[in-house]
Amino acid sequence: MDLRGKTVREVEAGARIRVWYEEEQDGGGKARVAYLGTTSAYSAAEGLRVLFDGYDESEQEVVDAADEWEWAPDLLGPFDAVRLKLRGVGRPKPQPPAGAVDAGRSGKKARLPRGTPKPPLAAAAAEPAAAVSVST
């Protein structure tokens, strides 16, 4: 079987493949349907062993020279090693600023956005205390 530019090593490492099958449609007739998958093995006698996306590993199919197929682009690219640096991991949690208002059960603190004018002290003292409601 012609591997169309890939080596056996690349195929067995998990190359992306697109395979077309003709399937019966509900209203009658046939349609050409593409399936994407990943190769898991190659045998010169059998062909490519493929695990199609969304199927269980026990349901692998064999694709041979008689099937219509092509190599699919690997959209994720080769990632041999990826290191993520997460912000805030391993650091103490920052404390809320002084004067922050408790936002309720969420445990989050809320405060007025910068530039918001504060109410006059005389008006605040004349009115009875009101419940503060903050939505997030």
N, C-alpha and C. Protein backbone atom coordinates (compact mmCIF):
# COMPACT_ATOMS: atom_id res chain seq x y z
N MET A 1 0.86 -1.19 0.00
CA MET A 1 0.00 0.00 0.00
C MET A 1 0.89 1.24 0.00
N ASP A 2 0.57 2.18 -0.84
CA ASP A 2 1.31 3.43 -0.93
C ASP A 2 0.92 4.32 0.25
N LEU A 3 1.90 4.76 1.03
CA LEU A 3 1.62 5.62 2.18
C LEU A 3 1.60 7.11 1.82
N ARG A 4 1.68 7.41 0.56
CA ARG A 4 1.50 8.76 0.02
C ARG A 4 2.34 9.82 0.74
N GLY A 5 3.63 9.55 0.84
CA GLY A 5 4.55 10.54 1.39
C GLY A 5 4.87 10.40 2.87
N LYS A 6 4.20 9.54 3.59
CA LYS A 6 4.47 9.36 5.02
C LYS A 6 5.33 8.11 5.20
N THR A 7 6.09 8.10 6.29
CA THR A 7 6.86 6.91 6.64
C THR A 7 6.02 6.03 7.55
N VAL A 8 6.41 4.77 7.67
CA VAL A 8 5.71 3.86 8.57
C VAL A 8 5.77 4.40 9.99
N ARG A 9 6.89 4.97 10.37
CA ARG A 9 7.03 5.54 11.72
C ARG A 9 6.02 6.66 11.96
N GLU A 10 5.86 7.56 10.97
CA GLU A 10 4.88 8.65 11.10
C GLU A 10 3.46 8.10 11.21
N VAL A 11 3.16 7.09 10.42
CA VAL A 11 1.82 6.49 10.43
C VAL A 11 1.54 5.85 11.79
N GLU A 12 2.50 5.11 12.30
CA GLU A 12 2.28 4.43 13.58
C GLU A 12 2.31 5.38 14.77
N ALA A 13 2.86 6.59 14.57
CA ALA A 13 2.87 7.60 15.63
C ALA A 13 1.54 8.33 15.72
N GLY A 14 0.65 8.13 14.74
CA GLY A 14 -0.67 8.76 14.80
C GLY A 14 -0.85 9.88 13.81
N ALA A 15 -0.86 9.56 12.53
CA ALA A 15 -1.08 10.57 11.49
C ALA A 15 -2.59 10.78 11.32
N ARG A 16 -2.96 12.02 10.99
CA ARG A 16 -4.37 12.34 10.75
C ARG A 16 -4.75 11.93 9.33
N ILE A 17 -5.93 11.35 9.20
CA ILE A 17 -6.38 10.82 7.91
C ILE A 17 -7.85 11.14 7.69
N ARG A 18 -8.24 11.34 6.44
CA ARG A 18 -9.64 11.55 6.06
C ARG A 18 -10.00 10.43 5.10
N VAL A 19 -11.09 9.72 5.40
CA VAL A 19 -11.54 8.60 4.59
C VAL A 19 -12.98 8.86 4.17
N TRP A 20 -13.28 8.59 2.88
CA TRP A 20 -14.64 8.76 2.38
C TRP A 20 -15.29 7.40 2.20
N TYR A 21 -16.56 7.33 2.62
CA TYR A 21 -17.37 6.13 2.42
C TYR A 21 -18.68 6.55 1.77
N GLU A 22 -19.22 5.69 0.94
CA GLU A 22 -20.56 5.92 0.39
C GLU A 22 -21.55 5.32 1.36
N GLU A 23 -22.52 6.13 1.78
CA GLU A 23 -23.51 5.68 2.76
C GLU A 23 -24.91 5.91 2.23
N GLU A 24 -25.82 5.03 2.62
CA GLU A 24 -27.23 5.17 2.27
C GLU A 24 -27.82 6.36 3.03
N GLN A 25 -28.63 7.16 2.36
CA GLN A 25 -29.29 8.30 2.98
C GLN A 25 -30.70 7.92 3.40
N ASP A 26 -31.27 8.65 4.36
CA ASP A 26 -32.61 8.37 4.86
C ASP A 26 -33.66 8.44 3.75
N GLY A 27 -33.55 9.42 2.87
CA GLY A 27 -34.52 9.59 1.81
C GLY A 27 -34.24 8.74 0.58
N GLY A 28 -33.28 7.86 0.67
CA GLY A 28 -32.89 7.03 -0.47
C GLY A 28 -31.66 7.60 -1.15
N GLY A 29 -31.01 6.79 -1.89
CA GLY A 29 -29.80 7.22 -2.59
C GLY A 29 -28.58 7.08 -1.70
N LYS A 30 -27.44 7.41 -2.29
CA LYS A 30 -26.18 7.32 -1.56
C LYS A 30 -25.50 8.68 -1.54
N ALA A 31 -24.68 8.88 -0.51
CA ALA A 31 -23.91 10.11 -0.40
C ALA A 31 -22.49 9.76 0.02
N ARG A 32 -21.56 10.56 -0.42
CA ARG A 32 -20.16 10.40 -0.05
C ARG A 32 -19.94 11.13 1.27
N VAL A 33 -19.52 10.40 2.32
CA VAL A 33 -19.36 10.97 3.66
C VAL A 33 -17.91 10.83 4.09
N ALA A 34 -17.31 11.95 4.56
CA ALA A 34 -15.92 11.95 5.02
C ALA A 34 -15.86 11.72 6.53
N TYR A 35 -14.90 10.92 6.94
CA TYR A 35 -14.62 10.67 8.36
C TYR A 35 -13.17 11.02 8.63
N LEU A 36 -12.93 11.72 9.75
CA LEU A 36 -11.57 12.04 10.17
C LEU A 36 -11.15 11.07 11.26
N GLY A 37 -9.88 10.72 11.25
CA GLY A 37 -9.39 9.81 12.27
C GLY A 37 -7.89 9.91 12.41
N THR A 38 -7.35 9.01 13.23
CA THR A 38 -5.92 8.96 13.52
C THR A 38 -5.44 7.53 13.30
N THR A 39 -4.34 7.39 12.59
CA THR A 39 -3.80 6.06 12.35
C THR A 39 -3.11 5.54 13.61
N SER A 40 -3.18 4.24 13.81
CA SER A 40 -2.53 3.65 14.98
C SER A 40 -1.55 2.55 14.59
N ALA A 41 -1.67 1.99 13.39
CA ALA A 41 -0.77 0.92 12.97
C ALA A 41 -0.80 0.80 11.46
N TYR A 42 0.24 0.13 10.95
CA TYR A 42 0.30 -0.14 9.52
C TYR A 42 0.80 -1.56 9.32
N SER A 43 0.15 -2.25 8.39
CA SER A 43 0.56 -3.60 8.00
C SER A 43 0.55 -3.63 6.48
N ALA A 44 1.65 -4.08 5.89
CA ALA A 44 1.71 -4.16 4.43
C ALA A 44 0.64 -5.10 3.89
N ALA A 45 0.28 -6.11 4.66
CA ALA A 45 -0.72 -7.07 4.23
C ALA A 45 -2.15 -6.54 4.38
N GLU A 46 -2.43 -5.80 5.47
CA GLU A 46 -3.79 -5.31 5.74
C GLU A 46 -4.02 -3.87 5.31
N GLY A 47 -3.10 -3.00 5.65
CA GLY A 47 -3.26 -1.57 5.39
C GLY A 47 -3.12 -0.77 6.66
N LEU A 48 -3.84 0.34 6.73
CA LEU A 48 -3.79 1.26 7.87
C LEU A 48 -4.88 0.92 8.88
N ARG A 49 -4.52 0.90 10.14
CA ARG A 49 -5.52 0.75 11.20
C ARG A 49 -5.84 2.16 11.67
N VAL A 50 -7.15 2.52 11.66
CA VAL A 50 -7.59 3.90 11.92
C VAL A 50 -8.63 3.94 13.03
N LEU A 51 -8.43 4.87 13.95
CA LEU A 51 -9.43 5.17 14.99
C LEU A 51 -10.11 6.47 14.57
N PHE A 52 -11.38 6.38 14.16
CA PHE A 52 -12.10 7.56 13.72
C PHE A 52 -12.54 8.40 14.92
N ASP A 53 -12.52 9.72 14.73
CA ASP A 53 -12.90 10.66 15.79
C ASP A 53 -14.31 10.35 16.28
N GLY A 54 -14.48 10.31 17.61
CA GLY A 54 -15.80 10.09 18.19
C GLY A 54 -16.15 8.62 18.39
N TYR A 55 -15.27 7.71 17.99
CA TYR A 55 -15.55 6.29 18.16
C TYR A 55 -14.65 5.70 19.23
N ASP A 56 -15.08 4.59 19.81
CA ASP A 56 -14.33 3.91 20.85
C ASP A 56 -13.10 3.24 20.25
N GLU A 57 -12.06 3.12 21.04
CA GLU A 57 -10.80 2.53 20.57
C GLU A 57 -10.98 1.09 20.08
N SER A 58 -11.96 0.40 20.60
CA SER A 58 -12.20 -0.99 20.17
C SER A 58 -12.84 -1.06 18.78
N GLU A 59 -13.28 0.09 18.24
CA GLU A 59 -13.95 0.13 16.94
C GLU A 59 -13.04 0.63 15.82
N GLN A 60 -11.76 0.30 15.87
CA GLN A 60 -10.84 0.74 14.82
C GLN A 60 -11.14 0.02 13.52
N GLU A 61 -10.92 0.73 12.42
CA GLU A 61 -11.19 0.19 11.09
C GLU A 61 -9.89 0.04 10.32
N VAL A 62 -9.89 -0.84 9.34
CA VAL A 62 -8.75 -1.00 8.45
C VAL A 62 -9.04 -0.27 7.15
N VAL A 63 -8.11 0.58 6.73
CA VAL A 63 -8.21 1.31 5.47
C VAL A 63 -7.12 0.75 4.57
N ASP A 64 -7.52 0.31 3.37
CA ASP A 64 -6.53 -0.26 2.45
C ASP A 64 -6.52 0.51 1.13
N ALA A 65 -5.75 0.01 0.18
CA ALA A 65 -5.57 0.70 -1.10
C ALA A 65 -6.88 0.86 -1.87
N ALA A 66 -7.87 0.03 -1.61
CA ALA A 66 -9.15 0.11 -2.32
C ALA A 66 -10.03 1.26 -1.79
N ASP A 67 -9.74 1.75 -0.59
CA ASP A 67 -10.53 2.84 0.01
C ASP A 67 -10.09 4.18 -0.55
N GLU A 68 -11.01 5.15 -0.50
CA GLU A 68 -10.70 6.51 -0.92
C GLU A 68 -10.29 7.29 0.33
N TRP A 69 -9.03 7.76 0.35
CA TRP A 69 -8.52 8.44 1.55
C TRP A 69 -7.43 9.43 1.17
N GLU A 70 -7.12 10.33 2.15
CA GLU A 70 -6.02 11.27 2.03
C GLU A 70 -5.53 11.63 3.42
N TRP A 71 -4.31 12.13 3.48
CA TRP A 71 -3.80 12.61 4.76
C TRP A 71 -4.48 13.94 5.07
N ALA A 72 -4.96 14.06 6.28
CA ALA A 72 -5.63 15.30 6.70
C ALA A 72 -4.60 16.21 7.36
N PRO A 73 -4.77 17.52 7.24
CA PRO A 73 -3.82 18.41 7.90
C PRO A 73 -3.92 18.27 9.41
N ASP A 74 -2.77 18.29 10.06
CA ASP A 74 -2.73 18.22 11.52
C ASP A 74 -2.88 19.64 12.03
N LEU A 75 -4.09 20.01 12.42
CA LEU A 75 -4.37 21.38 12.81
C LEU A 75 -3.71 21.77 14.12
N LEU A 76 -3.41 20.79 14.96
CA LEU A 76 -2.80 21.10 16.25
C LEU A 76 -1.29 21.28 16.13
N GLY A 77 -0.68 20.66 15.13
CA GLY A 77 0.76 20.77 14.96
C GLY A 77 1.50 19.86 15.92
N PRO A 78 2.79 19.71 15.70
CA PRO A 78 3.57 18.83 16.56
C PRO A 78 3.93 19.51 17.88
N PHE A 79 3.49 18.96 18.98
CA PHE A 79 3.80 19.49 20.30
C PHE A 79 4.55 18.41 21.07
N ASP A 80 5.87 18.48 21.01
CA ASP A 80 6.65 17.50 21.74
C ASP A 80 6.64 17.81 23.23
N ALA A 81 6.77 19.08 23.56
CA ALA A 81 6.76 19.46 24.97
C ALA A 81 6.16 20.85 25.07
N VAL A 82 5.23 21.00 25.97
CA VAL A 82 4.58 22.28 26.17
C VAL A 82 4.67 22.61 27.65
N ARG A 83 5.15 23.79 27.95
CA ARG A 83 5.23 24.22 29.34
C ARG A 83 4.32 25.42 29.51
N LEU A 84 3.41 25.33 30.43
CA LEU A 84 2.48 26.41 30.70
C LEU A 84 2.88 27.10 31.99
N LYS A 85 2.89 28.38 31.97
CA LYS A 85 3.14 29.14 33.19
C LYS A 85 1.82 29.77 33.58
N LEU A 86 1.25 29.28 34.66
CA LEU A 86 -0.05 29.77 35.12
C LEU A 86 0.17 30.91 36.10
N ARG A 87 -0.54 31.98 35.84
CA ARG A 87 -0.42 33.12 36.74
C ARG A 87 -1.10 32.81 38.06
N GLY A 88 -0.43 33.16 39.12
CA GLY A 88 -1.03 33.02 40.44
C GLY A 88 -0.85 31.66 41.08
N VAL A 89 -0.30 30.69 40.38
CA VAL A 89 -0.12 29.36 40.96
C VAL A 89 1.08 29.41 41.88
N GLY A 90 0.89 28.98 43.11
CA GLY A 90 1.99 28.95 44.07
C GLY A 90 2.24 30.28 44.76
N ARG A 91 1.42 31.26 44.48
CA ARG A 91 1.56 32.56 45.13
C ARG A 91 0.41 32.75 46.11
N PRO A 92 0.63 33.54 47.16
CA PRO A 92 -0.48 33.80 48.08
C PRO A 92 -1.58 34.59 47.38
N LYS A 93 -2.81 34.33 47.78
CA LYS A 93 -3.96 35.02 47.20
C LYS A 93 -3.94 36.48 47.65
N PRO A 94 -4.13 37.42 46.71
CA PRO A 94 -4.12 38.83 47.09
C PRO A 94 -5.30 39.17 47.99
N GLN A 95 -5.07 40.05 48.93
CA GLN A 95 -6.12 40.47 49.86
C GLN A 95 -6.93 41.58 49.21
N PRO A 96 -8.24 41.65 49.51
CA PRO A 96 -9.07 42.72 48.94
C PRO A 96 -8.62 44.07 49.48
N PRO A 97 -8.82 45.14 48.73
CA PRO A 97 -8.43 46.47 49.19
C PRO A 97 -9.26 46.90 50.39
N ALA A 98 -8.70 47.76 51.18
CA ALA A 98 -9.40 48.26 52.36
C ALA A 98 -10.66 48.99 51.91
N GLY A 99 -11.75 48.77 52.60
CA GLY A 99 -13.00 49.44 52.28
C GLY A 99 -13.84 48.72 51.24
N ALA A 100 -13.45 47.52 50.85
CA ALA A 100 -14.23 46.77 49.86
C ALA A 100 -15.52 46.29 50.49
N VAL A 101 -16.58 46.22 49.71
CA VAL A 101 -17.88 45.80 50.17
C VAL A 101 -18.05 44.31 49.87
N ASP A 102 -18.58 43.55 50.85
CA ASP A 102 -18.79 42.13 50.62
C ASP A 102 -19.94 41.94 49.63
N ALA A 103 -19.71 41.14 48.59
CA ALA A 103 -20.71 40.95 47.54
C ALA A 103 -21.66 39.80 47.83
N GLY A 104 -21.66 39.26 49.00
CA GLY A 104 -22.61 38.20 49.34
C GLY A 104 -21.96 36.84 49.41
N ARG A 105 -22.72 35.82 49.07
CA ARG A 105 -22.27 34.44 49.22
C ARG A 105 -21.12 34.06 48.30
N SER A 106 -20.90 34.80 47.23
CA SER A 106 -19.85 34.42 46.28
C SER A 106 -18.47 34.55 46.88
N GLY A 107 -18.32 35.33 47.93
CA GLY A 107 -17.02 35.51 48.54
C GLY A 107 -16.19 36.56 47.80
N LYS A 108 -16.71 37.10 46.73
CA LYS A 108 -15.98 38.11 45.98
C LYS A 108 -16.21 39.47 46.63
N LYS A 109 -15.23 40.31 46.52
CA LYS A 109 -15.35 41.67 47.05
C LYS A 109 -15.69 42.60 45.90
N ALA A 110 -16.49 43.63 46.18
CA ALA A 110 -16.88 44.58 45.15
C ALA A 110 -16.57 45.98 45.63
N ARG A 111 -16.29 46.86 44.69
CA ARG A 111 -16.08 48.27 45.02
C ARG A 111 -16.51 49.10 43.82
N LEU A 112 -16.69 50.37 44.04
CA LEU A 112 -17.09 51.26 42.97
C LEU A 112 -15.97 51.37 41.96
N PRO A 113 -16.31 51.44 40.67
CA PRO A 113 -15.27 51.61 39.66
C PRO A 113 -14.54 52.93 39.85
N ARG A 114 -13.30 52.99 39.40
CA ARG A 114 -12.52 54.22 39.51
C ARG A 114 -13.23 55.36 38.78
N GLY A 115 -13.19 56.51 39.37
CA GLY A 115 -13.80 57.68 38.74
C GLY A 115 -15.26 57.86 39.12
N THR A 116 -15.86 56.91 39.85
CA THR A 116 -17.25 57.07 40.27
C THR A 116 -17.29 58.02 41.46
N PRO A 117 -18.09 59.09 41.38
CA PRO A 117 -18.12 60.04 42.50
C PRO A 117 -18.75 59.42 43.73
N LYS A 118 -18.20 59.75 44.88
CA LYS A 118 -18.75 59.26 46.14
C LYS A 118 -19.94 60.13 46.53
N PRO A 119 -20.95 59.55 47.20
CA PRO A 119 -22.10 60.37 47.61
C PRO A 119 -21.68 61.37 48.69
N PRO A 120 -22.34 62.53 48.74
CA PRO A 120 -22.01 63.51 49.78
C PRO A 120 -22.29 62.93 51.17
N LEU A 121 -21.45 63.28 52.12
CA LEU A 121 -21.58 62.75 53.48
C LEU A 121 -22.89 63.18 54.13
N ALA A 122 -23.34 64.38 53.91
CA ALA A 122 -24.56 64.88 54.54
C ALA A 122 -25.76 64.07 54.07
N ALA A 123 -25.84 63.76 52.77
CA ALA A 123 -26.98 63.01 52.25
C ALA A 123 -26.94 61.57 52.76
N ALA A 124 -25.78 61.01 52.87
CA ALA A 124 -25.66 59.64 53.35
C ALA A 124 -26.05 59.55 54.81
N ALA A 125 -25.74 60.55 55.60
CA ALA A 125 -26.06 60.52 57.03
C ALA A 125 -27.54 60.74 57.26
N ALA A 126 -28.22 61.52 56.40
CA ALA A 126 -29.63 61.82 56.59
C ALA A 126 -30.53 60.65 56.23
N GLU A 127 -30.11 59.79 55.32
CA GLU A 127 -30.93 58.67 54.89
C GLU A 127 -30.62 57.44 55.74
N PRO A 128 -31.66 56.59 55.98
CA PRO A 128 -31.38 55.37 56.74
C PRO A 128 -30.50 54.43 55.88
N ALA A 129 -29.81 53.56 56.55
CA ALA A 129 -28.92 52.63 55.85
C ALA A 129 -29.74 51.74 54.95
N ALA A 130 -29.30 51.56 53.72
CA ALA A 130 -29.98 50.72 52.74
C ALA A 130 -29.15 49.49 52.48
N ALA A 131 -29.82 48.44 52.08
CA ALA A 131 -29.10 47.21 51.73
C ALA A 131 -28.34 47.43 50.44
N VAL A 132 -27.14 46.95 50.41
CA VAL A 132 -26.30 47.09 49.22
C VAL A 132 -26.44 45.82 48.40
N SER A 133 -26.75 45.96 47.12
CA SER A 133 -26.90 44.82 46.22
C SER A 133 -25.92 44.96 45.09
N VAL A 134 -25.10 43.97 44.89
CA VAL A 134 -24.12 43.99 43.82
C VAL A 134 -24.32 42.74 43.00
N SER A 135 -24.48 42.89 41.69
CA SER A 135 -24.63 41.72 40.83
C SER A 135 -23.35 41.53 40.05
N THR A 136 -23.01 40.27 39.84
CA THR A 136 -21.78 39.97 39.08
C THR A 136 -22.12 39.20 37.84
